[in-house]
């Protein structure tokens, strides 16, 4: 069994048409997600999302890779050292 890692994934959505595809991806990885917070910035038409995840590194990379391919969506991951 591969070792799991804790990470926070930061997502910036600038194209609201990508939200449904983003939600599909998050649903695919839902068993690894331990928390989610979304902050809509309506005056700028941008949404900020943070995801807490406990998963093997390859799962986190796969998820962020899929999210990063969405139009108008930026993503970064920060990993815990423990």
PDB file of N, CA and C in Angstrom:
ATOM      1  N   UNK A   1       0.847  -1.196   0.000  1.00  0.00           N
ATOM      2  CA  UNK A   1       0.000   0.000   0.000  1.00  0.00           C
ATOM      3  C   UNK A   1       0.882   1.246   0.000  1.00  0.00           C
ATOM      4  N   UNK A   2       0.564   2.157  -0.895  1.00  0.00           N
ATOM      5  CA  UNK A   2       1.353   3.385  -1.012  1.00  0.00           C
ATOM      6  C   UNK A   2       1.054   4.322   0.153  1.00  0.00           C
ATOM      7  N   UNK A   3       2.098   5.002   0.604  1.00  0.00           N
ATOM      8  CA  UNK A   3       1.962   5.940   1.718  1.00  0.00           C
ATOM      9  C   UNK A   3       1.111   7.135   1.310  1.00  0.00           C
ATOM     10  N   UNK A   4       0.206   7.523   2.209  1.00  0.00           N
ATOM     11  CA  UNK A   4      -0.649   8.680   1.962  1.00  0.00           C
ATOM     12  C   UNK A   4       0.042   9.951   2.430  1.00  0.00           C
ATOM     13  N   UNK A   5      -0.345  11.072   1.819  1.00  0.00           N
ATOM     14  CA  UNK A   5       0.186  12.383   2.196  1.00  0.00           C
ATOM     15  C   UNK A   5      -0.973  13.336   2.418  1.00  0.00           C
ATOM     16  N   UNK A   6      -0.765  14.264   3.321  1.00  0.00           N
ATOM     17  CA  UNK A   6      -1.732  15.340   3.533  1.00  0.00           C
ATOM     18  C   UNK A   6      -1.324  16.518   2.666  1.00  0.00           C
ATOM     19  N   UNK A   7      -2.306  17.135   2.051  1.00  0.00           N
ATOM     20  CA  UNK A   7      -2.021  18.291   1.206  1.00  0.00           C
ATOM     21  C   UNK A   7      -3.218  19.228   1.195  1.00  0.00           C
ATOM     22  N   UNK A   8      -2.942  20.468   0.836  1.00  0.00           N
ATOM     23  CA  UNK A   8      -3.983  21.458   0.577  1.00  0.00           C
ATOM     24  C   UNK A   8      -3.861  21.842  -0.885  1.00  0.00           C
ATOM     25  N   UNK A   9      -4.972  21.779  -1.569  1.00  0.00           N
ATOM     26  CA  UNK A   9      -4.995  22.128  -2.984  1.00  0.00           C
ATOM     27  C   UNK A   9      -5.740  23.447  -3.128  1.00  0.00           C
ATOM     28  N   UNK A  10      -5.092  24.425  -3.730  1.00  0.00           N
ATOM     29  CA  UNK A  10      -5.697  25.735  -3.968  1.00  0.00           C
ATOM     30  C   UNK A  10      -6.138  25.803  -5.430  1.00  0.00           C
ATOM     31  N   UNK A  11      -7.390  26.201  -5.628  1.00  0.00           N
ATOM     32  CA  UNK A  11      -7.962  26.283  -6.973  1.00  0.00           C
ATOM     33  C   UNK A  11      -8.546  27.679  -7.176  1.00  0.00           C
ATOM     34  N   UNK A  12      -8.206  28.290  -8.311  1.00  0.00           N
ATOM     35  CA  UNK A  12      -8.785  29.584  -8.686  1.00  0.00           C
ATOM     36  C   UNK A  12      -9.561  29.367  -9.980  1.00  0.00           C
ATOM     37  N   UNK A  13     -10.860  29.630  -9.927  1.00  0.00           N
ATOM     38  CA  UNK A  13     -11.721  29.446 -11.091  1.00  0.00           C
ATOM     39  C   UNK A  13     -12.071  30.818 -11.653  1.00  0.00           C
ATOM     40  N   UNK A  14     -11.614  31.082 -12.875  1.00  0.00           N
ATOM     41  CA  UNK A  14     -11.903  32.346 -13.545  1.00  0.00           C
ATOM     42  C   UNK A  14     -12.908  32.167 -14.682  1.00  0.00           C
ATOM     43  N   UNK A  15     -13.178  30.932 -15.046  1.00  0.00           N
ATOM     44  CA  UNK A  15     -14.163  30.630 -16.090  1.00  0.00           C
ATOM     45  C   UNK A  15     -15.256  29.783 -15.456  1.00  0.00           C
ATOM     46  N   UNK A  16     -16.388  30.391 -15.161  1.00  0.00           N
ATOM     47  CA  UNK A  16     -17.474  29.699 -14.470  1.00  0.00           C
ATOM     48  C   UNK A  16     -18.059  28.556 -15.286  1.00  0.00           C
ATOM     49  N   UNK A  17     -17.805  28.539 -16.589  1.00  0.00           N
ATOM     50  CA  UNK A  17     -18.280  27.430 -17.420  1.00  0.00           C
ATOM     51  C   UNK A  17     -17.535  26.136 -17.117  1.00  0.00           C
ATOM     52  N   UNK A  18     -16.407  26.206 -16.427  1.00  0.00           N
ATOM     53  CA  UNK A  18     -15.626  25.014 -16.071  1.00  0.00           C
ATOM     54  C   UNK A  18     -16.034  24.423 -14.728  1.00  0.00           C
ATOM     55  N   UNK A  19     -16.959  25.068 -14.013  1.00  0.00           N
ATOM     56  CA  UNK A  19     -17.317  24.618 -12.667  1.00  0.00           C
ATOM     57  C   UNK A  19     -17.915  23.221 -12.661  1.00  0.00           C
ATOM     58  N   UNK A  20     -18.791  22.894 -13.604  1.00  0.00           N
ATOM     59  CA  UNK A  20     -19.412  21.560 -13.602  1.00  0.00           C
ATOM     60  C   UNK A  20     -18.374  20.467 -13.836  1.00  0.00           C
ATOM     61  N   UNK A  21     -17.414  20.714 -14.739  1.00  0.00           N
ATOM     62  CA  UNK A  21     -16.345  19.737 -14.969  1.00  0.00           C
ATOM     63  C   UNK A  21     -15.452  19.620 -13.744  1.00  0.00           C
ATOM     64  N   UNK A  22     -15.181  20.737 -13.077  1.00  0.00           N
ATOM     65  CA  UNK A  22     -14.390  20.718 -11.848  1.00  0.00           C
ATOM     66  C   UNK A  22     -15.095  19.880 -10.784  1.00  0.00           C
ATOM     67  N   UNK A  23     -16.387  20.085 -10.619  1.00  0.00           N
ATOM     68  CA  UNK A  23     -17.138  19.318  -9.629  1.00  0.00           C
ATOM     69  C   UNK A  23     -17.139  17.824  -9.945  1.00  0.00           C
ATOM     70  N   UNK A  24     -17.168  17.467 -11.225  1.00  0.00           N
ATOM     71  CA  UNK A  24     -17.082  16.049 -11.620  1.00  0.00           C
ATOM     72  C   UNK A  24     -15.747  15.456 -11.175  1.00  0.00           C
ATOM     73  N   UNK A  25     -14.664  16.193 -11.388  1.00  0.00           N
ATOM     74  CA  UNK A  25     -13.333  15.714 -10.987  1.00  0.00           C
ATOM     75  C   UNK A  25     -13.268  15.565  -9.474  1.00  0.00           C
ATOM     76  N   UNK A  26     -13.758  16.560  -8.748  1.00  0.00           N
ATOM     77  CA  UNK A  26     -13.735  16.491  -7.286  1.00  0.00           C
ATOM     78  C   UNK A  26     -14.569  15.314  -6.794  1.00  0.00           C
ATOM     79  N   UNK A  27     -15.662  15.022  -7.455  1.00  0.00           N
ATOM     80  CA  UNK A  27     -16.494  13.878  -7.082  1.00  0.00           C
ATOM     81  C   UNK A  27     -15.736  12.565  -7.295  1.00  0.00           C
ATOM     82  N   UNK A  28     -14.975  12.471  -8.393  1.00  0.00           N
ATOM     83  CA  UNK A  28     -14.189  11.264  -8.688  1.00  0.00           C
ATOM     84  C   UNK A  28     -13.202  10.957  -7.565  1.00  0.00           C
ATOM     85  N   UNK A  29     -12.656  12.002  -6.945  1.00  0.00           N
ATOM     86  CA  UNK A  29     -11.646  11.847  -5.904  1.00  0.00           C
ATOM     87  C   UNK A  29     -12.225  12.080  -4.510  1.00  0.00           C
ATOM     88  N   UNK A  30     -13.541  12.052  -4.398  1.00  0.00           N
ATOM     89  CA  UNK A  30     -14.226  12.376  -3.153  1.00  0.00           C
ATOM     90  C   UNK A  30     -13.825  11.529  -1.958  1.00  0.00           C
ATOM     91  N   UNK A  31     -13.444  10.291  -2.183  1.00  0.00           N
ATOM     92  CA  UNK A  31     -13.079   9.424  -1.055  1.00  0.00           C
ATOM     93  C   UNK A  31     -11.780   9.862  -0.384  1.00  0.00           C
ATOM     94  N   UNK A  32     -10.989  10.688  -1.045  1.00  0.00           N
ATOM     95  CA  UNK A  32      -9.724  11.185  -0.490  1.00  0.00           C
ATOM     96  C   UNK A  32      -9.854  12.577   0.125  1.00  0.00           C
ATOM     97  N   UNK A  33     -10.908  13.295  -0.234  1.00  0.00           N
ATOM     98  CA  UNK A  33     -11.075  14.686   0.211  1.00  0.00           C
ATOM     99  C   UNK A  33     -11.557  14.707   1.660  1.00  0.00           C
ATOM    100  N   UNK A  34     -10.845  15.449   2.507  1.00  0.00           N
ATOM    101  CA  UNK A  34     -11.222  15.532   3.918  1.00  0.00           C
ATOM    102  C   UNK A  34     -11.889  16.863   4.265  1.00  0.00           C
ATOM    103  N   UNK A  35     -11.863  17.820   3.358  1.00  0.00           N
ATOM    104  CA  UNK A  35     -12.524  19.102   3.587  1.00  0.00           C
ATOM    105  C   UNK A  35     -12.459  19.968   2.346  1.00  0.00           C
ATOM    106  N   UNK A  36     -13.436  20.856   2.250  1.00  0.00           N
ATOM    107  CA  UNK A  36     -13.506  21.732   1.073  1.00  0.00           C
ATOM    108  C   UNK A  36     -14.108  23.061   1.493  1.00  0.00           C
ATOM    109  N   UNK A  37     -13.522  24.147   0.999  1.00  0.00           N
ATOM    110  CA  UNK A  37     -14.063  25.476   1.260  1.00  0.00           C
ATOM    111  C   UNK A  37     -14.054  26.258  -0.049  1.00  0.00           C
ATOM    112  N   UNK A  38     -15.186  26.835  -0.377  1.00  0.00           N
ATOM    113  CA  UNK A  38     -15.289  27.650  -1.580  1.00  0.00           C
ATOM    114  C   UNK A  38     -15.655  29.072  -1.216  1.00  0.00           C
ATOM    115  N   UNK A  39     -14.981  30.018  -1.833  1.00  0.00           N
ATOM    116  CA  UNK A  39     -15.243  31.438  -1.588  1.00  0.00           C
ATOM    117  C   UNK A  39     -15.558  32.100  -2.929  1.00  0.00           C
ATOM    118  N   UNK A  40     -16.829  32.428  -3.156  1.00  0.00           N
ATOM    119  CA  UNK A  40     -17.165  33.124  -4.400  1.00  0.00           C
ATOM    120  C   UNK A  40     -16.838  34.611  -4.277  1.00  0.00           C
ATOM    121  N   UNK A  41     -16.138  35.134  -5.248  1.00  0.00           N
ATOM    122  CA  UNK A  41     -15.835  36.573  -5.312  1.00  0.00           C
ATOM    123  C   UNK A  41     -16.681  37.126  -6.458  1.00  0.00           C
ATOM    124  N   UNK A  42     -17.937  37.366  -6.171  1.00  0.00           N
ATOM    125  CA  UNK A  42     -18.908  37.707  -7.212  1.00  0.00           C
ATOM    126  C   UNK A  42     -18.567  38.998  -7.952  1.00  0.00           C
ATOM    127  N   UNK A  43     -18.000  39.974  -7.242  1.00  0.00           N
ATOM    128  CA  UNK A  43     -17.679  41.241  -7.904  1.00  0.00           C
ATOM    129  C   UNK A  43     -16.583  41.081  -8.961  1.00  0.00           C
ATOM    130  N   UNK A  44     -15.780  40.020  -8.847  1.00  0.00           N
ATOM    131  CA  UNK A  44     -14.720  39.763  -9.839  1.00  0.00           C
ATOM    132  C   UNK A  44     -15.031  38.565 -10.726  1.00  0.00           C
ATOM    133  N   UNK A  45     -16.154  37.884 -10.454  1.00  0.00           N
ATOM    134  CA  UNK A  45     -16.550  36.679 -11.185  1.00  0.00           C
ATOM    135  C   UNK A  45     -15.460  35.595 -11.113  1.00  0.00           C
ATOM    136  N   UNK A  46     -14.930  35.418  -9.905  1.00  0.00           N
ATOM    137  CA  UNK A  46     -13.884  34.429  -9.635  1.00  0.00           C
ATOM    138  C   UNK A  46     -14.296  33.636  -8.404  1.00  0.00           C
ATOM    139  N   UNK A  47     -13.904  32.378  -8.366  1.00  0.00           N
ATOM    140  CA  UNK A  47     -14.170  31.546  -7.196  1.00  0.00           C
ATOM    141  C   UNK A  47     -12.846  30.966  -6.689  1.00  0.00           C
ATOM    142  N   UNK A  48     -12.631  31.061  -5.385  1.00  0.00           N
ATOM    143  CA  UNK A  48     -11.447  30.484  -4.750  1.00  0.00           C
ATOM    144  C   UNK A  48     -11.885  29.240  -3.983  1.00  0.00           C
ATOM    145  N   UNK A  49     -11.176  28.136  -4.186  1.00  0.00           N
ATOM    146  CA  UNK A  49     -11.535  26.876  -3.543  1.00  0.00           C
ATOM    147  C   UNK A  49     -10.286  26.278  -2.913  1.00  0.00           C
ATOM    148  N   UNK A  50     -10.425  25.810  -1.680  1.00  0.00           N
ATOM    149  CA  UNK A  50      -9.331  25.066  -1.056  1.00  0.00           C
ATOM    150  C   UNK A  50      -9.849  23.675  -0.702  1.00  0.00           C
ATOM    151  N   UNK A  51      -9.012  22.686  -0.966  1.00  0.00           N
ATOM    152  CA  UNK A  51      -9.358  21.284  -0.737  1.00  0.00           C
ATOM    153  C   UNK A  51      -8.313  20.676   0.185  1.00  0.00           C
ATOM    154  N   UNK A  52      -8.747  20.069   1.279  1.00  0.00           N
ATOM    155  CA  UNK A  52      -7.855  19.274   2.123  1.00  0.00           C
ATOM    156  C   UNK A  52      -7.947  17.834   1.654  1.00  0.00           C
ATOM    157  N   UNK A  53      -6.806  17.189   1.453  1.00  0.00           N
ATOM    158  CA  UNK A  53      -6.808  15.835   0.893  1.00  0.00           C
ATOM    159  C   UNK A  53      -5.802  14.953   1.621  1.00  0.00           C
ATOM    160  N   UNK A  54      -6.148  13.689   1.788  1.00  0.00           N
ATOM    161  CA  UNK A  54      -5.286  12.674   2.390  1.00  0.00           C
ATOM    162  C   UNK A  54      -5.243  11.518   1.404  1.00  0.00           C
ATOM    163  N   UNK A  55      -4.174  11.454   0.606  1.00  0.00           N
ATOM    164  CA  UNK A  55      -4.133  10.507  -0.505  1.00  0.00           C
ATOM    165  C   UNK A  55      -2.689  10.204  -0.892  1.00  0.00           C
ATOM    166  N   UNK A  56      -2.481   9.096  -1.614  1.00  0.00           N
ATOM    167  CA  UNK A  56      -1.151   8.836  -2.170  1.00  0.00           C
ATOM    168  C   UNK A  56      -0.744   9.949  -3.137  1.00  0.00           C
ATOM    169  N   UNK A  57       0.541  10.170  -3.262  1.00  0.00           N
ATOM    170  CA  UNK A  57       1.056  11.246  -4.103  1.00  0.00           C
ATOM    171  C   UNK A  57       0.560  11.153  -5.541  1.00  0.00           C
ATOM    172  N   UNK A  58       0.487   9.942  -6.090  1.00  0.00           N
ATOM    173  CA  UNK A  58       0.048   9.809  -7.485  1.00  0.00           C
ATOM    174  C   UNK A  58      -1.422  10.184  -7.658  1.00  0.00           C
ATOM    175  N   UNK A  59      -2.228   9.982  -6.629  1.00  0.00           N
ATOM    176  CA  UNK A  59      -3.636  10.379  -6.692  1.00  0.00           C
ATOM    177  C   UNK A  59      -3.754  11.903  -6.679  1.00  0.00           C
ATOM    178  N   UNK A  60      -2.982  12.542  -5.803  1.00  0.00           N
ATOM    179  CA  UNK A  60      -2.992  14.001  -5.737  1.00  0.00           C
ATOM    180  C   UNK A  60      -2.514  14.592  -7.065  1.00  0.00           C
ATOM    181  N   UNK A  61      -1.456  14.032  -7.614  1.00  0.00           N
ATOM    182  CA  UNK A  61      -0.934  14.514  -8.906  1.00  0.00           C
ATOM    183  C   UNK A  61      -1.947  14.321 -10.026  1.00  0.00           C
ATOM    184  N   UNK A  62      -2.635  13.191 -10.017  1.00  0.00           N
ATOM    185  CA  UNK A  62      -3.638  12.926 -11.046  1.00  0.00           C
ATOM    186  C   UNK A  62      -4.784  13.931 -10.952  1.00  0.00           C
ATOM    187  N   UNK A  63      -5.242  14.180  -9.736  1.00  0.00           N
ATOM    188  CA  UNK A  63      -6.334  15.111  -9.535  1.00  0.00           C
ATOM    189  C   UNK A  63      -5.949  16.524  -9.954  1.00  0.00           C
ATOM    190  N   UNK A  64      -4.798  17.006  -9.497  1.00  0.00           N
ATOM    191  CA  UNK A  64      -4.383  18.363  -9.846  1.00  0.00           C
ATOM    192  C   UNK A  64      -4.102  18.480 -11.348  1.00  0.00           C
ATOM    193  N   UNK A  65      -3.602  17.417 -11.958  1.00  0.00           N
ATOM    194  CA  UNK A  65      -3.365  17.430 -13.400  1.00  0.00           C
ATOM    195  C   UNK A  65      -4.649  17.593 -14.187  1.00  0.00           C
ATOM    196  N   UNK A  66      -5.686  16.852 -13.787  1.00  0.00           N
ATOM    197  CA  UNK A  66      -6.983  16.966 -14.461  1.00  0.00           C
ATOM    198  C   UNK A  66      -7.589  18.347 -14.257  1.00  0.00           C
ATOM    199  N   UNK A  67      -7.480  18.865 -13.041  1.00  0.00           N
ATOM    200  CA  UNK A  67      -8.036  20.192 -12.758  1.00  0.00           C
ATOM    201  C   UNK A  67      -7.296  21.260 -13.564  1.00  0.00           C
ATOM    202  N   UNK A  68      -5.982  21.138 -13.638  1.00  0.00           N
ATOM    203  CA  UNK A  68      -5.165  22.119 -14.347  1.00  0.00           C
ATOM    204  C   UNK A  68      -5.435  22.195 -15.838  1.00  0.00           C
ATOM    205  N   UNK A  69      -6.043  21.153 -16.406  1.00  0.00           N
ATOM    206  CA  UNK A  69      -6.363  21.149 -17.833  1.00  0.00           C
ATOM    207  C   UNK A  69      -7.664  21.878 -18.150  1.00  0.00           C
ATOM    208  N   UNK A  70      -8.433  22.209 -17.111  1.00  0.00           N
ATOM    209  CA  UNK A  70      -9.700  22.894 -17.340  1.00  0.00           C
ATOM    210  C   UNK A  70      -9.460  24.344 -17.765  1.00  0.00           C
ATOM    211  N   UNK A  71     -10.292  24.827 -18.662  1.00  0.00           N
ATOM    212  CA  UNK A  71     -10.171  26.191 -19.173  1.00  0.00           C
ATOM    213  C   UNK A  71     -10.487  27.200 -18.076  1.00  0.00           C
ATOM    214  N   UNK A  72      -9.570  28.123 -17.852  1.00  0.00           N
ATOM    215  CA  UNK A  72      -9.790  29.190 -16.884  1.00  0.00           C
ATOM    216  C   UNK A  72      -9.683  28.759 -15.442  1.00  0.00           C
ATOM    217  N   UNK A  73      -8.962  27.657 -15.190  1.00  0.00           N
ATOM    218  CA  UNK A  73      -8.802  27.142 -13.830  1.00  0.00           C
ATOM    219  C   UNK A  73      -7.318  26.973 -13.539  1.00  0.00           C
ATOM    220  N   UNK A  74      -6.870  27.520 -12.399  1.00  0.00           N
ATOM    221  CA  UNK A  74      -5.477  27.369 -11.948  1.00  0.00           C
ATOM    222  C   UNK A  74      -5.483  26.524 -10.680  1.00  0.00           C
ATOM    223  N   UNK A  75      -4.427  25.720 -10.496  1.00  0.00           N
ATOM    224  CA  UNK A  75      -4.372  24.842  -9.328  1.00  0.00           C
ATOM    225  C   UNK A  75      -2.929  24.691  -8.849  1.00  0.00           C
ATOM    226  N   UNK A  76      -2.767  24.627  -7.523  1.00  0.00           N
ATOM    227  CA  UNK A  76      -1.465  24.391  -6.898  1.00  0.00           C
ATOM    228  C   UNK A  76      -1.686  23.515  -5.671  1.00  0.00           C
ATOM    229  N   UNK A  77      -0.696  22.684  -5.344  1.00  0.00           N
ATOM    230  CA  UNK A  77      -0.793  21.827  -4.153  1.00  0.00           C
ATOM    231  C   UNK A  77       0.376  22.147  -3.210  1.00  0.00           C
ATOM    232  N   UNK A  78       0.078  22.169  -1.927  1.00  0.00           N
ATOM    233  CA  UNK A  78       1.092  22.321  -0.876  1.00  0.00           C
ATOM    234  C   UNK A  78       0.994  21.084   0.014  1.00  0.00           C
ATOM    235  N   UNK A  79       2.134  20.413   0.221  1.00  0.00           N
ATOM    236  CA  UNK A  79       2.173  19.134   0.927  1.00  0.00           C
ATOM    237  C   UNK A  79       2.671  19.284   2.350  1.00  0.00           C
ATOM    238  N   UNK A  80       2.100  18.494   3.253  1.00  0.00           N
ATOM    239  CA  UNK A  80       2.581  18.410   4.621  1.00  0.00           C
ATOM    240  C   UNK A  80       3.879  17.609   4.641  1.00  0.00           C
ATOM    241  N   UNK A  81       4.767  17.930   5.574  1.00  0.00           N
ATOM    242  CA  UNK A  81       6.027  17.194   5.699  1.00  0.00           C
ATOM    243  C   UNK A  81       5.899  15.988   6.633  1.00  0.00           C
ATOM    244  N   UNK A  82       4.749  15.854   7.307  1.00  0.00           N
ATOM    245  CA  UNK A  82       4.550  14.701   8.215  1.00  0.00           C
ATOM    246  C   UNK A  82       3.655  13.669   7.581  1.00  0.00           C
TER     247      UNK A  82
END
